[in-house]
């Protein structure tokens, strides 16, 4: 029996990271999430996501009731470096190996990640895996359309410093109509078409 552990989303701007565990022989699949907060400035620089990944990996193995002598195959990605050390202490050196994950384990973990980012309102591009640069800028544009979406982004990434995506740097405004006085006004986010007449003037109190 073999359990394969993979991740999805660690190289993507949006959301946290999905960690999936797949048992080949029975086709059982479980997954959990490394919260996006671990990839935002304060925690990201402390690399606490490595510890969280290890914790989640061990939890998934318990949920699958990993059996004695069952092999545990870990993705080669750096995010599992701490998990590898911890698992070898728990299950033994010979049972834990690093591999390049392909096939069903990879597919299911990827699907889980795509489902999660769709749940926050983002629709990924087709062939995301083969068009990484295009996917990154597509996600970046989605965040910049509405500064409130910044909470879903991995803001701890050093490369993001070259892009003005934080609320304090956001100078883009959009025209809309105030729902109270019916006058035109501007807002720092892009109103949805169905909400074009519901904006309030900045500083105006609502009942």
N, C-alpha and C. Protein backbone atom coordinates (compact mmCIF):
# COMPACT_ATOMS: atom_id res chain seq x y z
N UNK A 1 0.84 -1.20 0.00
CA UNK A 1 0.00 0.00 0.00
C UNK A 1 0.88 1.25 0.00
N UNK A 2 0.39 2.29 -0.66
CA UNK A 2 1.17 3.52 -0.80
C UNK A 2 0.28 4.75 -0.66
N UNK A 3 0.75 5.74 0.09
CA UNK A 3 0.06 7.03 0.18
C UNK A 3 0.95 8.09 -0.45
N UNK A 4 0.38 8.85 -1.39
CA UNK A 4 1.12 9.90 -2.09
C UNK A 4 0.63 11.26 -1.60
N UNK A 5 1.58 12.12 -1.23
CA UNK A 5 1.25 13.46 -0.74
C UNK A 5 1.70 14.50 -1.76
N UNK A 6 0.78 15.37 -2.15
CA UNK A 6 1.10 16.41 -3.14
C UNK A 6 0.55 17.75 -2.66
N UNK A 7 0.96 18.82 -3.32
CA UNK A 7 0.42 20.15 -3.01
C UNK A 7 0.00 20.84 -4.29
N UNK A 8 -0.87 21.82 -4.15
CA UNK A 8 -1.28 22.65 -5.28
C UNK A 8 -1.51 24.06 -4.77
N UNK A 9 -1.04 25.04 -5.53
CA UNK A 9 -1.25 26.44 -5.17
C UNK A 9 -0.04 27.14 -4.58
N UNK A 10 1.02 26.40 -4.29
CA UNK A 10 2.19 27.04 -3.66
C UNK A 10 2.86 28.04 -4.60
N UNK A 11 2.70 27.86 -5.91
CA UNK A 11 3.29 28.79 -6.87
C UNK A 11 2.30 29.78 -7.43
N UNK A 12 1.10 29.83 -6.85
CA UNK A 12 0.04 30.71 -7.35
C UNK A 12 -0.16 31.89 -6.41
N UNK A 13 -0.50 33.03 -6.96
CA UNK A 13 -0.68 34.24 -6.18
C UNK A 13 -1.85 34.15 -5.21
N UNK A 14 -2.92 33.48 -5.63
CA UNK A 14 -4.14 33.49 -4.84
C UNK A 14 -4.27 32.33 -3.87
N UNK A 15 -4.85 32.66 -2.73
CA UNK A 15 -5.29 31.68 -1.73
C UNK A 15 -4.09 31.01 -1.06
N UNK A 16 -4.39 30.05 -0.21
CA UNK A 16 -3.34 29.30 0.45
C UNK A 16 -2.87 28.15 -0.42
N UNK A 17 -2.53 27.04 0.23
CA UNK A 17 -2.03 25.87 -0.49
C UNK A 17 -2.83 24.64 -0.08
N UNK A 18 -3.23 23.87 -1.06
CA UNK A 18 -3.91 22.60 -0.81
C UNK A 18 -2.86 21.50 -0.65
N UNK A 19 -2.99 20.71 0.40
CA UNK A 19 -2.16 19.52 0.58
C UNK A 19 -3.09 18.32 0.47
N UNK A 20 -2.80 17.44 -0.48
CA UNK A 20 -3.65 16.28 -0.72
C UNK A 20 -2.93 14.98 -0.43
N UNK A 21 -3.68 13.99 0.05
CA UNK A 21 -3.14 12.66 0.33
C UNK A 21 -3.98 11.63 -0.41
N UNK A 22 -3.33 10.79 -1.19
CA UNK A 22 -4.03 9.84 -2.06
C UNK A 22 -3.46 8.43 -1.88
N UNK A 23 -4.35 7.47 -1.60
CA UNK A 23 -3.93 6.07 -1.49
C UNK A 23 -4.26 5.38 -2.81
N UNK A 24 -3.23 4.98 -3.52
CA UNK A 24 -3.40 4.43 -4.86
C UNK A 24 -4.31 3.22 -4.90
N UNK A 25 -4.07 2.28 -4.01
CA UNK A 25 -4.76 0.99 -4.10
C UNK A 25 -6.27 1.09 -3.88
N UNK A 26 -6.70 2.03 -3.03
CA UNK A 26 -8.13 2.16 -2.73
C UNK A 26 -8.75 3.43 -3.32
N UNK A 27 -7.91 4.28 -3.93
CA UNK A 27 -8.34 5.55 -4.52
C UNK A 27 -8.96 6.50 -3.50
N UNK A 28 -8.57 6.36 -2.24
CA UNK A 28 -9.02 7.29 -1.20
C UNK A 28 -8.24 8.60 -1.33
N UNK A 29 -8.96 9.71 -1.13
CA UNK A 29 -8.32 11.02 -1.24
C UNK A 29 -8.83 11.94 -0.14
N UNK A 30 -7.90 12.58 0.55
CA UNK A 30 -8.22 13.56 1.57
C UNK A 30 -7.37 14.80 1.31
N UNK A 31 -7.89 15.96 1.69
CA UNK A 31 -7.06 17.16 1.57
C UNK A 31 -7.39 18.17 2.65
N UNK A 32 -6.46 19.08 2.86
CA UNK A 32 -6.66 20.18 3.80
C UNK A 32 -5.91 21.40 3.26
N UNK A 33 -6.04 22.52 3.95
CA UNK A 33 -5.50 23.78 3.45
C UNK A 33 -4.48 24.40 4.39
N UNK A 34 -3.39 24.88 3.81
CA UNK A 34 -2.50 25.79 4.53
C UNK A 34 -3.07 27.18 4.29
N UNK A 35 -3.55 27.81 5.32
CA UNK A 35 -4.22 29.10 5.19
C UNK A 35 -3.32 30.14 4.53
N UNK A 36 -3.93 31.02 3.76
CA UNK A 36 -3.17 32.05 3.05
C UNK A 36 -2.40 32.97 4.00
N UNK A 37 -2.84 33.07 5.26
CA UNK A 37 -2.16 33.96 6.21
C UNK A 37 -0.70 33.55 6.41
N UNK A 38 -0.39 32.27 6.19
CA UNK A 38 0.99 31.80 6.35
C UNK A 38 1.89 32.27 5.20
N UNK A 39 1.27 32.82 4.15
CA UNK A 39 2.03 33.32 2.99
C UNK A 39 1.95 34.84 2.89
N UNK A 40 1.47 35.46 3.96
CA UNK A 40 1.42 36.91 4.01
C UNK A 40 2.55 37.42 4.90
N UNK A 41 2.86 38.68 4.79
CA UNK A 41 4.14 39.25 5.21
C UNK A 41 4.74 38.72 6.50
N UNK A 42 4.06 38.87 7.63
CA UNK A 42 4.68 38.56 8.92
C UNK A 42 5.02 37.08 9.05
N UNK A 43 4.05 36.21 8.78
CA UNK A 43 4.28 34.77 8.94
C UNK A 43 5.13 34.19 7.82
N UNK A 44 5.01 34.75 6.62
CA UNK A 44 5.76 34.21 5.49
C UNK A 44 7.26 34.29 5.74
N UNK A 45 7.73 35.40 6.25
CA UNK A 45 9.16 35.58 6.46
C UNK A 45 9.70 34.68 7.57
N UNK A 46 8.80 34.22 8.43
CA UNK A 46 9.21 33.28 9.48
C UNK A 46 9.16 31.83 8.99
N UNK A 47 8.65 31.64 7.76
CA UNK A 47 8.52 30.32 7.14
C UNK A 47 7.68 29.36 7.99
N UNK A 48 6.67 29.90 8.65
CA UNK A 48 5.80 29.05 9.47
C UNK A 48 4.94 28.13 8.61
N UNK A 49 4.84 28.43 7.31
CA UNK A 49 4.07 27.56 6.42
C UNK A 49 4.69 26.17 6.32
N UNK A 50 6.00 26.06 6.54
CA UNK A 50 6.65 24.75 6.51
C UNK A 50 6.18 23.88 7.67
N UNK A 51 6.08 24.48 8.84
CA UNK A 51 5.58 23.75 10.01
C UNK A 51 4.11 23.39 9.83
N UNK A 52 3.34 24.33 9.28
CA UNK A 52 1.92 24.07 9.06
C UNK A 52 1.72 22.96 8.04
N UNK A 53 2.54 22.93 7.01
CA UNK A 53 2.47 21.87 6.01
C UNK A 53 2.76 20.52 6.65
N UNK A 54 3.75 20.46 7.51
CA UNK A 54 4.09 19.22 8.20
C UNK A 54 2.93 18.77 9.09
N UNK A 55 2.35 19.71 9.82
CA UNK A 55 1.22 19.37 10.70
C UNK A 55 0.04 18.81 9.91
N UNK A 56 -0.29 19.48 8.81
CA UNK A 56 -1.42 19.03 7.98
C UNK A 56 -1.13 17.68 7.35
N UNK A 57 0.09 17.47 6.89
CA UNK A 57 0.45 16.19 6.28
C UNK A 57 0.27 15.04 7.27
N UNK A 58 0.74 15.23 8.49
CA UNK A 58 0.57 14.18 9.50
C UNK A 58 -0.90 13.96 9.82
N UNK A 59 -1.67 15.04 9.84
CA UNK A 59 -3.10 14.93 10.10
C UNK A 59 -3.80 14.14 9.00
N UNK A 60 -3.44 14.39 7.75
CA UNK A 60 -4.04 13.66 6.63
C UNK A 60 -3.71 12.17 6.69
N UNK A 61 -2.49 11.85 7.08
CA UNK A 61 -2.11 10.44 7.21
C UNK A 61 -2.91 9.76 8.31
N UNK A 62 -3.18 10.47 9.38
CA UNK A 62 -4.02 9.90 10.44
C UNK A 62 -5.44 9.69 9.94
N UNK A 63 -5.93 10.64 9.16
CA UNK A 63 -7.29 10.49 8.62
C UNK A 63 -7.40 9.31 7.67
N UNK A 64 -6.31 8.98 7.00
CA UNK A 64 -6.28 7.82 6.11
C UNK A 64 -5.93 6.53 6.84
N UNK A 65 -5.67 6.66 8.15
CA UNK A 65 -5.31 5.49 8.97
C UNK A 65 -4.15 4.72 8.32
N UNK A 66 -3.05 5.46 8.10
CA UNK A 66 -1.90 4.85 7.44
C UNK A 66 -1.47 3.58 8.16
N UNK A 67 -1.22 2.55 7.38
CA UNK A 67 -0.96 1.23 7.93
C UNK A 67 0.54 1.00 8.16
N UNK A 68 0.83 0.02 9.02
CA UNK A 68 2.22 -0.35 9.28
C UNK A 68 2.90 -0.74 7.98
N UNK A 69 4.08 -0.24 7.79
CA UNK A 69 4.91 -0.53 6.61
C UNK A 69 4.39 0.08 5.32
N UNK A 70 3.28 0.81 5.37
CA UNK A 70 2.78 1.48 4.17
C UNK A 70 3.73 2.61 3.78
N UNK A 71 4.10 2.67 2.51
CA UNK A 71 5.03 3.69 2.05
C UNK A 71 4.34 5.05 1.94
N UNK A 72 5.11 6.09 2.24
CA UNK A 72 4.63 7.46 2.15
C UNK A 72 5.51 8.20 1.15
N UNK A 73 4.91 8.61 0.04
CA UNK A 73 5.66 9.28 -1.03
C UNK A 73 5.31 10.76 -1.04
N UNK A 74 6.31 11.60 -0.79
CA UNK A 74 6.12 13.05 -0.69
C UNK A 74 6.56 13.75 -1.97
N UNK A 75 5.79 14.76 -2.36
CA UNK A 75 6.19 15.61 -3.48
C UNK A 75 7.57 16.22 -3.21
N UNK A 76 8.31 16.46 -4.28
CA UNK A 76 9.66 17.02 -4.16
C UNK A 76 9.68 18.50 -3.79
N UNK A 77 8.53 19.15 -3.84
CA UNK A 77 8.48 20.59 -3.57
C UNK A 77 9.04 20.96 -2.21
N UNK A 78 9.70 22.12 -2.15
CA UNK A 78 10.36 22.58 -0.92
C UNK A 78 9.41 22.69 0.26
N UNK A 79 8.12 22.86 -0.02
CA UNK A 79 7.15 23.06 1.05
C UNK A 79 7.04 21.83 1.96
N UNK A 80 7.52 20.68 1.47
CA UNK A 80 7.48 19.45 2.26
C UNK A 80 8.80 19.14 2.96
N UNK A 81 9.75 20.05 2.94
CA UNK A 81 11.06 19.77 3.54
C UNK A 81 10.97 19.46 5.03
N UNK A 82 10.20 20.25 5.76
CA UNK A 82 10.05 19.99 7.19
C UNK A 82 9.19 18.76 7.43
N UNK A 83 8.18 18.56 6.59
CA UNK A 83 7.32 17.38 6.72
C UNK A 83 8.14 16.10 6.55
N UNK A 84 9.07 16.10 5.61
CA UNK A 84 9.91 14.92 5.40
C UNK A 84 10.67 14.55 6.67
N UNK A 85 11.27 15.53 7.30
CA UNK A 85 12.04 15.27 8.53
C UNK A 85 11.14 14.74 9.63
N UNK A 86 9.97 15.36 9.79
CA UNK A 86 9.06 14.94 10.86
C UNK A 86 8.49 13.56 10.60
N UNK A 87 8.14 13.27 9.35
CA UNK A 87 7.56 11.97 9.02
C UNK A 87 8.58 10.85 9.19
N UNK A 88 9.82 11.12 8.87
CA UNK A 88 10.85 10.10 9.03
C UNK A 88 11.07 9.76 10.50
N UNK A 89 10.89 10.76 11.37
CA UNK A 89 10.99 10.51 12.80
C UNK A 89 9.83 9.65 13.28
N UNK A 90 8.66 9.88 12.69
CA UNK A 90 7.46 9.16 13.12
C UNK A 90 7.34 7.78 12.50
N UNK A 91 7.60 7.70 11.19
CA UNK A 91 7.35 6.46 10.46
C UNK A 91 8.61 5.71 10.04
N UNK A 92 9.76 6.32 10.20
CA UNK A 92 11.01 5.65 9.85
C UNK A 92 11.57 6.13 8.52
N UNK A 93 12.89 6.10 8.42
CA UNK A 93 13.60 6.57 7.23
C UNK A 93 13.18 5.84 5.96
N UNK A 94 12.98 4.56 6.05
CA UNK A 94 12.74 3.74 4.86
C UNK A 94 11.34 3.90 4.28
N UNK A 95 10.40 4.37 5.08
CA UNK A 95 9.02 4.44 4.62
C UNK A 95 8.70 5.74 3.90
N UNK A 96 9.52 6.76 4.07
CA UNK A 96 9.24 8.08 3.51
C UNK A 96 10.22 8.39 2.38
N UNK A 97 9.67 8.70 1.20
CA UNK A 97 10.50 9.01 0.04
C UNK A 97 9.98 10.27 -0.65
N UNK A 98 10.86 10.98 -1.36
CA UNK A 98 10.47 12.15 -2.15
C UNK A 98 10.38 11.74 -3.61
N UNK A 99 9.31 12.16 -4.28
CA UNK A 99 9.11 11.81 -5.69
C UNK A 99 8.54 13.00 -6.45
N UNK A 100 8.55 12.89 -7.76
CA UNK A 100 7.84 13.84 -8.63
C UNK A 100 6.44 13.27 -8.83
N UNK A 101 5.45 13.94 -8.27
CA UNK A 101 4.09 13.42 -8.28
C UNK A 101 3.43 13.68 -9.64
N UNK A 102 2.82 12.64 -10.19
CA UNK A 102 2.05 12.74 -11.43
C UNK A 102 0.77 11.92 -11.24
N UNK A 103 -0.03 11.85 -12.28
CA UNK A 103 -1.19 10.97 -12.25
C UNK A 103 -2.33 11.46 -11.39
N UNK A 104 -3.07 10.51 -10.83
CA UNK A 104 -4.31 10.81 -10.13
C UNK A 104 -4.09 11.66 -8.87
N UNK A 105 -3.03 11.41 -8.15
CA UNK A 105 -2.76 12.20 -6.94
C UNK A 105 -2.60 13.68 -7.29
N UNK A 106 -1.87 13.95 -8.34
CA UNK A 106 -1.67 15.33 -8.79
C UNK A 106 -2.98 15.93 -9.29
N UNK A 107 -3.73 15.17 -10.05
CA UNK A 107 -4.97 15.66 -10.64
C UNK A 107 -5.99 16.05 -9.56
N UNK A 108 -6.16 15.18 -8.57
CA UNK A 108 -7.15 15.43 -7.52
C UNK A 108 -6.76 16.61 -6.64
N UNK A 109 -5.47 16.73 -6.36
CA UNK A 109 -5.01 17.85 -5.54
C UNK A 109 -5.19 19.17 -6.28
N UNK A 110 -4.93 19.15 -7.57
CA UNK A 110 -5.11 20.34 -8.40
C UNK A 110 -6.59 20.73 -8.47
N UNK A 111 -7.46 19.76 -8.63
CA UNK A 111 -8.90 20.03 -8.68
C UNK A 111 -9.37 20.66 -7.37
N UNK A 112 -8.85 20.14 -6.25
CA UNK A 112 -9.23 20.68 -4.94
C UNK A 112 -8.83 22.16 -4.83
N UNK A 113 -7.64 22.49 -5.32
CA UNK A 113 -7.20 23.89 -5.28
C UNK A 113 -8.09 24.77 -6.17
N UNK A 114 -8.39 24.31 -7.36
CA UNK A 114 -9.24 25.09 -8.28
C UNK A 114 -10.62 25.31 -7.69
N UNK A 115 -11.15 24.31 -7.01
CA UNK A 115 -12.45 24.47 -6.35
C UNK A 115 -12.39 25.56 -5.28
N UNK A 116 -11.30 25.55 -4.53
CA UNK A 116 -11.16 26.53 -3.45
C UNK A 116 -11.06 27.96 -3.98
N UNK A 117 -10.31 28.17 -5.05
CA UNK A 117 -10.19 29.55 -5.56
C UNK A 117 -11.47 29.99 -6.27
N UNK A 118 -12.21 29.06 -6.80
CA UNK A 118 -13.52 29.42 -7.37
C UNK A 118 -14.48 29.85 -6.26
N UNK A 119 -14.31 29.28 -5.08
CA UNK A 119 -15.18 29.63 -3.96
C UNK A 119 -14.99 31.07 -3.51
N UNK A 120 -13.86 31.70 -3.84
CA UNK A 120 -13.66 33.11 -3.48
C UNK A 120 -14.04 34.03 -4.63
N UNK A 121 -14.56 33.45 -5.71
CA UNK A 121 -15.06 34.26 -6.82
C UNK A 121 -14.12 34.41 -8.00
N UNK A 122 -13.00 33.70 -7.98
CA UNK A 122 -12.03 33.81 -9.07
C UNK A 122 -12.17 32.62 -10.02
N UNK A 123 -12.16 32.90 -11.32
CA UNK A 123 -12.22 31.83 -12.32
C UNK A 123 -10.85 31.71 -12.98
N UNK A 124 -10.15 30.58 -12.76
CA UNK A 124 -8.80 30.41 -13.33
C UNK A 124 -8.82 30.30 -14.84
N UNK A 125 -7.69 30.65 -15.45
CA UNK A 125 -7.58 30.53 -16.90
C UNK A 125 -7.44 29.06 -17.29
N UNK A 126 -7.77 28.76 -18.52
CA UNK A 126 -7.60 27.41 -19.05
C UNK A 126 -6.11 27.11 -19.20
N UNK A 127 -5.73 25.88 -18.95
CA UNK A 127 -4.33 25.44 -19.05
C UNK A 127 -3.43 26.27 -18.13
N UNK A 128 -3.90 26.51 -16.92
CA UNK A 128 -3.16 27.30 -15.94
C UNK A 128 -1.77 26.73 -15.69
N UNK A 129 -1.67 25.42 -15.61
CA UNK A 129 -0.39 24.77 -15.30
C UNK A 129 0.66 25.03 -16.38
N UNK A 130 0.23 25.16 -17.62
CA UNK A 130 1.17 25.35 -18.73
C UNK A 130 1.43 26.81 -19.07
N UNK A 131 0.70 27.70 -18.41
CA UNK A 131 0.84 29.14 -18.69
C UNK A 131 0.97 29.89 -17.38
N UNK A 132 2.04 29.60 -16.65
CA UNK A 132 2.22 30.14 -15.31
C UNK A 132 2.28 31.67 -15.27
N UNK A 133 3.04 32.25 -16.19
CA UNK A 133 3.17 33.71 -16.20
C UNK A 133 1.82 34.37 -16.49
N UNK A 134 1.11 33.85 -17.47
CA UNK A 134 -0.20 34.40 -17.82
C UNK A 134 -1.17 34.25 -16.65
N UNK A 135 -1.10 33.11 -15.97
CA UNK A 135 -1.97 32.87 -14.82
C UNK A 135 -1.67 33.86 -13.70
N UNK A 136 -0.39 34.12 -13.45
CA UNK A 136 -0.01 35.06 -12.39
C UNK A 136 -0.61 36.44 -12.65
N UNK A 137 -0.44 36.96 -13.86
CA UNK A 137 -0.93 38.30 -14.16
C UNK A 137 -2.46 38.35 -14.22
N UNK A 138 -3.08 37.24 -14.58
CA UNK A 138 -4.54 37.17 -14.56
C UNK A 138 -5.04 37.27 -13.12
N UNK A 139 -4.37 36.56 -12.21
CA UNK A 139 -4.72 36.64 -10.78
C UNK A 139 -4.43 38.03 -10.23
N UNK A 140 -3.30 38.61 -10.64
CA UNK A 140 -2.92 39.94 -10.17
C UNK A 140 -3.95 40.98 -10.58
N UNK A 141 -4.41 40.91 -11.82
CA UNK A 141 -5.43 41.87 -12.30
C UNK A 141 -6.72 41.71 -11.50
N UNK A 142 -7.06 40.47 -11.18
CA UNK A 142 -8.28 40.21 -10.42
C UNK A 142 -8.20 40.86 -9.05
N UNK A 143 -7.04 40.78 -8.41
CA UNK A 143 -6.85 41.41 -7.10
C UNK A 143 -6.90 42.93 -7.22
N UNK A 144 -6.24 43.48 -8.24
CA UNK A 144 -6.16 44.94 -8.39
C UNK A 144 -7.51 45.56 -8.73
N UNK A 145 -8.42 44.77 -9.27
CA UNK A 145 -9.76 45.29 -9.57
C UNK A 145 -10.50 45.70 -8.30
N UNK A 146 -10.16 45.06 -7.19
CA UNK A 146 -10.83 45.34 -5.92
C UNK A 146 -9.84 45.12 -4.78
N UNK A 147 -9.36 46.18 -4.14
CA UNK A 147 -8.35 46.06 -3.09
C UNK A 147 -8.77 45.14 -1.94
N UNK A 148 -10.08 44.96 -1.76
CA UNK A 148 -10.54 44.08 -0.69
C UNK A 148 -10.13 42.63 -0.94
N UNK A 149 -9.80 42.31 -2.18
CA UNK A 149 -9.39 40.94 -2.50
C UNK A 149 -7.95 40.65 -2.09
N UNK A 150 -7.27 41.67 -1.61
CA UNK A 150 -5.88 41.49 -1.20
C UNK A 150 -5.75 40.46 -0.09
N UNK A 151 -6.81 40.25 0.67
CA UNK A 151 -6.77 39.27 1.76
C UNK A 151 -6.60 37.85 1.23
N UNK A 152 -6.87 37.64 -0.06
CA UNK A 152 -6.72 36.31 -0.66
C UNK A 152 -5.36 36.10 -1.31
N UNK A 153 -4.50 37.11 -1.29
CA UNK A 153 -3.22 37.04 -2.02
C UNK A 153 -2.06 36.68 -1.10
N UNK A 154 -1.06 36.03 -1.69
CA UNK A 154 0.17 35.69 -0.96
C UNK A 154 1.07 36.93 -0.95
N UNK A 155 0.75 37.87 -0.10
CA UNK A 155 1.41 39.17 -0.10
C UNK A 155 2.83 39.14 0.47
N UNK A 156 3.24 38.01 1.03
CA UNK A 156 4.60 37.90 1.54
C UNK A 156 5.64 37.69 0.46
N UNK A 157 5.21 37.38 -0.75
CA UNK A 157 6.15 37.15 -1.85
C UNK A 157 6.97 38.41 -2.12
N UNK A 158 8.30 38.32 -2.12
CA UNK A 158 9.14 39.49 -2.41
C UNK A 158 8.86 40.11 -3.78
N UNK A 159 8.54 39.29 -4.78
CA UNK A 159 8.34 39.81 -6.13
C UNK A 159 7.14 40.74 -6.22
N UNK A 160 6.22 40.68 -5.25
CA UNK A 160 5.04 41.53 -5.31
C UNK A 160 5.35 42.98 -5.00
N UNK A 161 6.53 43.24 -4.44
CA UNK A 161 6.87 44.62 -4.08
C UNK A 161 6.95 45.53 -5.30
N UNK A 162 7.13 44.94 -6.48
CA UNK A 162 7.22 45.77 -7.69
C UNK A 162 5.84 46.13 -8.25
N UNK A 163 4.79 45.54 -7.68
CA UNK A 163 3.43 45.82 -8.16
C UNK A 163 2.66 46.58 -7.09
N UNK A 164 1.98 47.65 -7.49
CA UNK A 164 1.19 48.43 -6.53
C UNK A 164 -0.19 47.82 -6.39
N UNK A 165 -0.28 46.88 -5.45
CA UNK A 165 -1.57 46.21 -5.28
C UNK A 165 -2.16 46.42 -3.90
N UNK A 166 -1.44 47.04 -2.99
CA UNK A 166 -1.97 47.24 -1.64
C UNK A 166 -2.96 48.39 -1.64
N UNK A 167 -3.84 48.39 -0.64
CA UNK A 167 -4.85 49.43 -0.54
C UNK A 167 -4.27 50.82 -0.49
N UNK A 168 -3.13 50.99 0.23
CA UNK A 168 -2.56 52.33 0.38
C UNK A 168 -1.99 52.87 -0.92
N UNK A 169 -1.69 51.97 -1.87
CA UNK A 169 -1.13 52.41 -3.15
C UNK A 169 -2.17 52.42 -4.27
N UNK A 170 -3.38 52.08 -3.90
CA UNK A 170 -4.41 51.90 -4.92
C UNK A 170 -5.01 53.25 -5.28
N UNK A 171 -4.72 53.78 -6.46
CA UNK A 171 -5.21 55.08 -6.88
C UNK A 171 -6.33 54.99 -7.91
N UNK A 172 -6.67 53.82 -8.33
CA UNK A 172 -7.71 53.66 -9.34
C UNK A 172 -9.08 53.87 -8.71
N UNK A 173 -9.91 54.67 -9.35
CA UNK A 173 -11.28 54.87 -8.86
C UNK A 173 -12.26 54.60 -9.99
N UNK A 174 -13.52 54.36 -9.61
CA UNK A 174 -14.56 54.04 -10.58
C UNK A 174 -15.76 54.94 -10.34
N UNK A 175 -16.45 55.28 -11.42
CA UNK A 175 -17.64 56.11 -11.32
C UNK A 175 -18.86 55.26 -11.05
N UNK A 176 -19.75 55.79 -10.20
CA UNK A 176 -21.00 55.10 -9.92
C UNK A 176 -22.02 56.16 -9.49
N UNK A 177 -23.17 55.74 -9.01
CA UNK A 177 -24.22 56.66 -8.59
C UNK A 177 -24.60 56.35 -7.15
N UNK A 178 -24.62 57.38 -6.31
CA UNK A 178 -24.98 57.20 -4.90
C UNK A 178 -26.44 56.79 -4.78
N UNK A 179 -26.72 55.78 -3.96
CA UNK A 179 -28.09 55.29 -3.84
C UNK A 179 -28.98 56.23 -3.03
N UNK A 180 -28.37 57.13 -2.24
CA UNK A 180 -29.17 58.05 -1.43
C UNK A 180 -29.53 59.33 -2.16
N UNK A 181 -28.48 60.02 -2.69
CA UNK A 181 -28.74 61.32 -3.32
C UNK A 181 -28.83 61.23 -4.84
N UNK A 182 -28.53 60.08 -5.38
CA UNK A 182 -28.61 59.84 -6.82
C UNK A 182 -27.60 60.66 -7.62
N UNK A 183 -26.60 61.21 -6.96
CA UNK A 183 -25.57 61.96 -7.66
C UNK A 183 -24.39 61.05 -8.01
N UNK A 184 -23.64 61.45 -9.04
CA UNK A 184 -22.46 60.68 -9.40
C UNK A 184 -21.37 60.80 -8.34
N UNK A 185 -20.62 59.74 -8.14
CA UNK A 185 -19.50 59.77 -7.21
C UNK A 185 -18.46 58.75 -7.66
N UNK A 186 -17.31 58.76 -7.01
CA UNK A 186 -16.26 57.79 -7.34
C UNK A 186 -16.00 56.91 -6.13
N UNK A 187 -15.62 55.67 -6.40
CA UNK A 187 -15.31 54.72 -5.34
C UNK A 187 -14.00 54.01 -5.69
N UNK A 188 -13.24 53.53 -4.69
CA UNK A 188 -11.95 52.90 -4.96
C UNK A 188 -12.03 51.43 -5.30
N UNK A 189 -13.19 50.98 -5.77
CA UNK A 189 -13.34 49.59 -6.19
C UNK A 189 -14.26 49.55 -7.39
N UNK A 190 -14.23 48.46 -8.11
CA UNK A 190 -15.05 48.33 -9.31
C UNK A 190 -16.41 47.77 -8.93
N UNK A 191 -17.48 48.57 -9.02
CA UNK A 191 -18.80 48.08 -8.65
C UNK A 191 -19.27 46.98 -9.60
N UNK A 192 -19.99 46.02 -9.06
CA UNK A 192 -20.60 45.01 -9.91
C UNK A 192 -21.73 45.65 -10.70
N UNK A 193 -21.98 45.18 -11.93
CA UNK A 193 -23.03 45.81 -12.76
C UNK A 193 -24.37 45.91 -12.05
N UNK A 194 -24.72 44.88 -11.26
CA UNK A 194 -26.02 44.89 -10.60
C UNK A 194 -26.07 45.86 -9.41
N UNK A 195 -24.88 46.37 -9.00
CA UNK A 195 -24.82 47.27 -7.85
C UNK A 195 -24.45 48.70 -8.22
N UNK A 196 -24.55 49.05 -9.49
CA UNK A 196 -24.08 50.36 -9.94
C UNK A 196 -24.80 51.53 -9.27
N UNK A 197 -26.01 51.33 -8.78
CA UNK A 197 -26.75 52.43 -8.18
C UNK A 197 -26.81 52.33 -6.66
N UNK A 198 -25.97 51.50 -6.06
CA UNK A 198 -26.07 51.29 -4.62
C UNK A 198 -24.89 51.84 -3.84
N UNK A 199 -23.97 52.55 -4.49
CA UNK A 199 -22.80 53.06 -3.79
C UNK A 199 -23.16 54.23 -2.88
N UNK A 200 -22.42 54.35 -1.76
CA UNK A 200 -22.59 55.48 -0.85
C UNK A 200 -21.41 56.43 -1.05
N UNK A 201 -21.64 57.73 -0.82
CA UNK A 201 -20.52 58.66 -0.86
C UNK A 201 -19.54 58.31 0.24
N UNK A 202 -18.26 58.53 -0.02
CA UNK A 202 -17.23 58.25 0.98
C UNK A 202 -17.51 59.08 2.23
N UNK A 203 -17.55 58.43 3.39
CA UNK A 203 -17.78 59.13 4.65
C UNK A 203 -19.25 59.25 4.99
N UNK A 204 -20.16 58.89 4.08
CA UNK A 204 -21.58 59.01 4.34
C UNK A 204 -22.04 57.88 5.22
N UNK A 205 -22.81 58.14 6.24
CA UNK A 205 -23.30 57.12 7.16
C UNK A 205 -24.52 56.44 6.56
N UNK A 206 -24.60 55.14 6.80
CA UNK A 206 -25.79 54.40 6.37
C UNK A 206 -26.69 54.21 7.56
N UNK A 207 -27.96 54.04 7.31
CA UNK A 207 -28.92 53.91 8.40
C UNK A 207 -28.77 52.58 9.10
